[in-house]
């Protein structure tokens, strides 16, 4: 569910003056008035938050620490362990 930001069309109360953020479903109707003072609101379009870099990718050391095992394909039907507990190789034969 996205977080929508709303700003008052005119001077609002302390709640809506600097903007209101609401977690809403896409199918929910937009807010039209401040829940406290009733001032008319309009939805503000903002840039989406984007994950940059590789900080969101799990590293091999983190995989093992959290109990996961990672394998790398080394041939047709053969896999070699790169991190975690488990058998050192897996093959389909």
C-alpha atoms as a PDB file:
ATOM      1  CA  UNK A   1       0.000   0.000   0.000  1.00  0.00           C
ATOM      2  CA  UNK A   2       1.372   3.417  -0.924  1.00  0.00           C
ATOM      3  CA  UNK A   3       1.734   6.371   1.395  1.00  0.00           C
ATOM      4  CA  UNK A   4      -0.092   9.429   0.059  1.00  0.00           C
ATOM      5  CA  UNK A   5       0.665  12.997   1.100  1.00  0.00           C
ATOM      6  CA  UNK A   6      -2.073  15.617   1.311  1.00  0.00           C
ATOM      7  CA  UNK A   7      -1.710  19.403   1.639  1.00  0.00           C
ATOM      8  CA  UNK A   8      -4.456  21.903   2.553  1.00  0.00           C
ATOM      9  CA  UNK A   9      -5.747  24.127  -0.265  1.00  0.00           C
ATOM     10  CA  UNK A  10      -6.019  27.013   2.212  1.00  0.00           C
ATOM     11  CA  UNK A  11      -4.701  27.707   5.703  1.00  0.00           C
ATOM     12  CA  UNK A  12      -5.404  24.676   7.853  1.00  0.00           C
ATOM     13  CA  UNK A  13      -5.008  23.602  11.446  1.00  0.00           C
ATOM     14  CA  UNK A  14      -1.835  22.423  13.190  1.00  0.00           C
ATOM     15  CA  UNK A  15      -2.551  18.872  11.970  1.00  0.00           C
ATOM     16  CA  UNK A  16      -2.780  19.597   8.247  1.00  0.00           C
ATOM     17  CA  UNK A  17      -0.780  22.834   7.865  1.00  0.00           C
ATOM     18  CA  UNK A  18       2.490  21.021   7.109  1.00  0.00           C
ATOM     19  CA  UNK A  19       0.799  18.114   5.339  1.00  0.00           C
ATOM     20  CA  UNK A  20      -0.817  14.788   6.195  1.00  0.00           C
ATOM     21  CA  UNK A  21       0.520  11.373   5.213  1.00  0.00           C
ATOM     22  CA  UNK A  22      -1.855   8.417   4.949  1.00  0.00           C
ATOM     23  CA  UNK A  23      -1.209   4.750   4.192  1.00  0.00           C
ATOM     24  CA  UNK A  24      -4.043   3.866   1.803  1.00  0.00           C
ATOM     25  CA  UNK A  25      -4.998   1.122  -0.616  1.00  0.00           C
ATOM     26  CA  UNK A  26      -4.967   2.044  -4.296  1.00  0.00           C
ATOM     27  CA  UNK A  27      -8.724   1.451  -4.360  1.00  0.00           C
ATOM     28  CA  UNK A  28      -9.405   3.821  -1.409  1.00  0.00           C
ATOM     29  CA  UNK A  29     -10.875   7.216  -2.335  1.00  0.00           C
ATOM     30  CA  UNK A  30      -8.560  10.184  -1.719  1.00  0.00           C
ATOM     31  CA  UNK A  31      -9.065  12.361   1.351  1.00  0.00           C
ATOM     32  CA  UNK A  32     -10.996  15.530   0.574  1.00  0.00           C
ATOM     33  CA  UNK A  33     -10.968  17.240   3.982  1.00  0.00           C
ATOM     34  CA  UNK A  34      -8.777  17.383   7.083  1.00  0.00           C
ATOM     35  CA  UNK A  35     -10.091  14.982   9.734  1.00  0.00           C
ATOM     36  CA  UNK A  36      -9.599  17.642  12.462  1.00  0.00           C
ATOM     37  CA  UNK A  37     -10.587  21.014  10.977  1.00  0.00           C
ATOM     38  CA  UNK A  38     -12.370  20.068   7.739  1.00  0.00           C
ATOM     39  CA  UNK A  39     -10.100  22.198   5.513  1.00  0.00           C
ATOM     40  CA  UNK A  40     -10.139  21.024   1.880  1.00  0.00           C
ATOM     41  CA  UNK A  41      -7.126  18.853   0.968  1.00  0.00           C
ATOM     42  CA  UNK A  42      -5.420  17.958  -2.286  1.00  0.00           C
ATOM     43  CA  UNK A  43      -3.149  14.994  -2.930  1.00  0.00           C
ATOM     44  CA  UNK A  44       0.481  15.932  -3.621  1.00  0.00           C
ATOM     45  CA  UNK A  45       2.466  13.956  -6.188  1.00  0.00           C
ATOM     46  CA  UNK A  46       5.909  12.984  -4.859  1.00  0.00           C
ATOM     47  CA  UNK A  47       8.774  11.021  -6.303  1.00  0.00           C
ATOM     48  CA  UNK A  48       8.777   7.339  -5.316  1.00  0.00           C
ATOM     49  CA  UNK A  49      11.415   6.096  -2.910  1.00  0.00           C
ATOM     50  CA  UNK A  50      13.974   4.021  -4.781  1.00  0.00           C
ATOM     51  CA  UNK A  51      16.566   1.680  -3.293  1.00  0.00           C
ATOM     52  CA  UNK A  52      19.973   2.612  -4.691  1.00  0.00           C
ATOM     53  CA  UNK A  53      23.190   0.667  -4.614  1.00  0.00           C
ATOM     54  CA  UNK A  54      23.649  -2.885  -3.424  1.00  0.00           C
ATOM     55  CA  UNK A  55      22.804  -2.398   0.270  1.00  0.00           C
ATOM     56  CA  UNK A  56      19.542  -4.337  -0.178  1.00  0.00           C
ATOM     57  CA  UNK A  57      21.309  -7.445  -1.544  1.00  0.00           C
ATOM     58  CA  UNK A  58      22.158 -10.188   0.950  1.00  0.00           C
ATOM     59  CA  UNK A  59      25.856 -10.921   1.272  1.00  0.00           C
ATOM     60  CA  UNK A  60      27.165 -14.452   1.738  1.00  0.00           C
ATOM     61  CA  UNK A  61      28.179 -13.743   5.334  1.00  0.00           C
ATOM     62  CA  UNK A  62      24.691 -12.529   6.170  1.00  0.00           C
ATOM     63  CA  UNK A  63      23.053 -15.567   4.548  1.00  0.00           C
ATOM     64  CA  UNK A  64      24.943 -18.014   6.754  1.00  0.00           C
ATOM     65  CA  UNK A  65      24.372 -15.899   9.855  1.00  0.00           C
ATOM     66  CA  UNK A  66      20.603 -16.019   9.314  1.00  0.00           C
ATOM     67  CA  UNK A  67      20.502 -19.771   8.656  1.00  0.00           C
ATOM     68  CA  UNK A  68      20.312 -19.809   4.847  1.00  0.00           C
ATOM     69  CA  UNK A  69      22.441 -21.830   2.464  1.00  0.00           C
ATOM     70  CA  UNK A  70      23.434 -20.491  -0.962  1.00  0.00           C
ATOM     71  CA  UNK A  71      24.533 -22.598  -3.912  1.00  0.00           C
ATOM     72  CA  UNK A  72      26.161 -21.595  -7.215  1.00  0.00           C
ATOM     73  CA  UNK A  73      25.660 -23.540 -10.458  1.00  0.00           C
ATOM     74  CA  UNK A  74      28.981 -25.065 -11.584  1.00  0.00           C
ATOM     75  CA  UNK A  75      27.787 -27.394 -14.316  1.00  0.00           C
ATOM     76  CA  UNK A  76      24.735 -29.043 -15.818  1.00  0.00           C
ATOM     77  CA  UNK A  77      22.741 -30.212 -12.797  1.00  0.00           C
ATOM     78  CA  UNK A  78      25.622 -29.530 -10.357  1.00  0.00           C
ATOM     79  CA  UNK A  79      25.693 -26.896  -7.648  1.00  0.00           C
ATOM     80  CA  UNK A  80      28.431 -25.915  -5.209  1.00  0.00           C
ATOM     81  CA  UNK A  81      27.826 -24.399  -1.760  1.00  0.00           C
ATOM     82  CA  UNK A  82      29.011 -20.807  -1.385  1.00  0.00           C
ATOM     83  CA  UNK A  83      27.561 -19.945   2.043  1.00  0.00           C
ATOM     84  CA  UNK A  84      25.791 -21.522   4.999  1.00  0.00           C
ATOM     85  CA  UNK A  85      25.355 -25.034   6.337  1.00  0.00           C
ATOM     86  CA  UNK A  86      24.462 -27.948   4.109  1.00  0.00           C
ATOM     87  CA  UNK A  87      26.052 -30.445   1.811  1.00  0.00           C
ATOM     88  CA  UNK A  88      29.087 -29.085  -0.076  1.00  0.00           C
ATOM     89  CA  UNK A  89      27.614 -30.033  -3.477  1.00  0.00           C
ATOM     90  CA  UNK A  90      24.243 -30.932  -4.958  1.00  0.00           C
ATOM     91  CA  UNK A  91      23.807 -32.859  -8.199  1.00  0.00           C
ATOM     92  CA  UNK A  92      20.880 -34.410 -10.056  1.00  0.00           C
ATOM     93  CA  UNK A  93      22.465 -37.874 -10.401  1.00  0.00           C
END
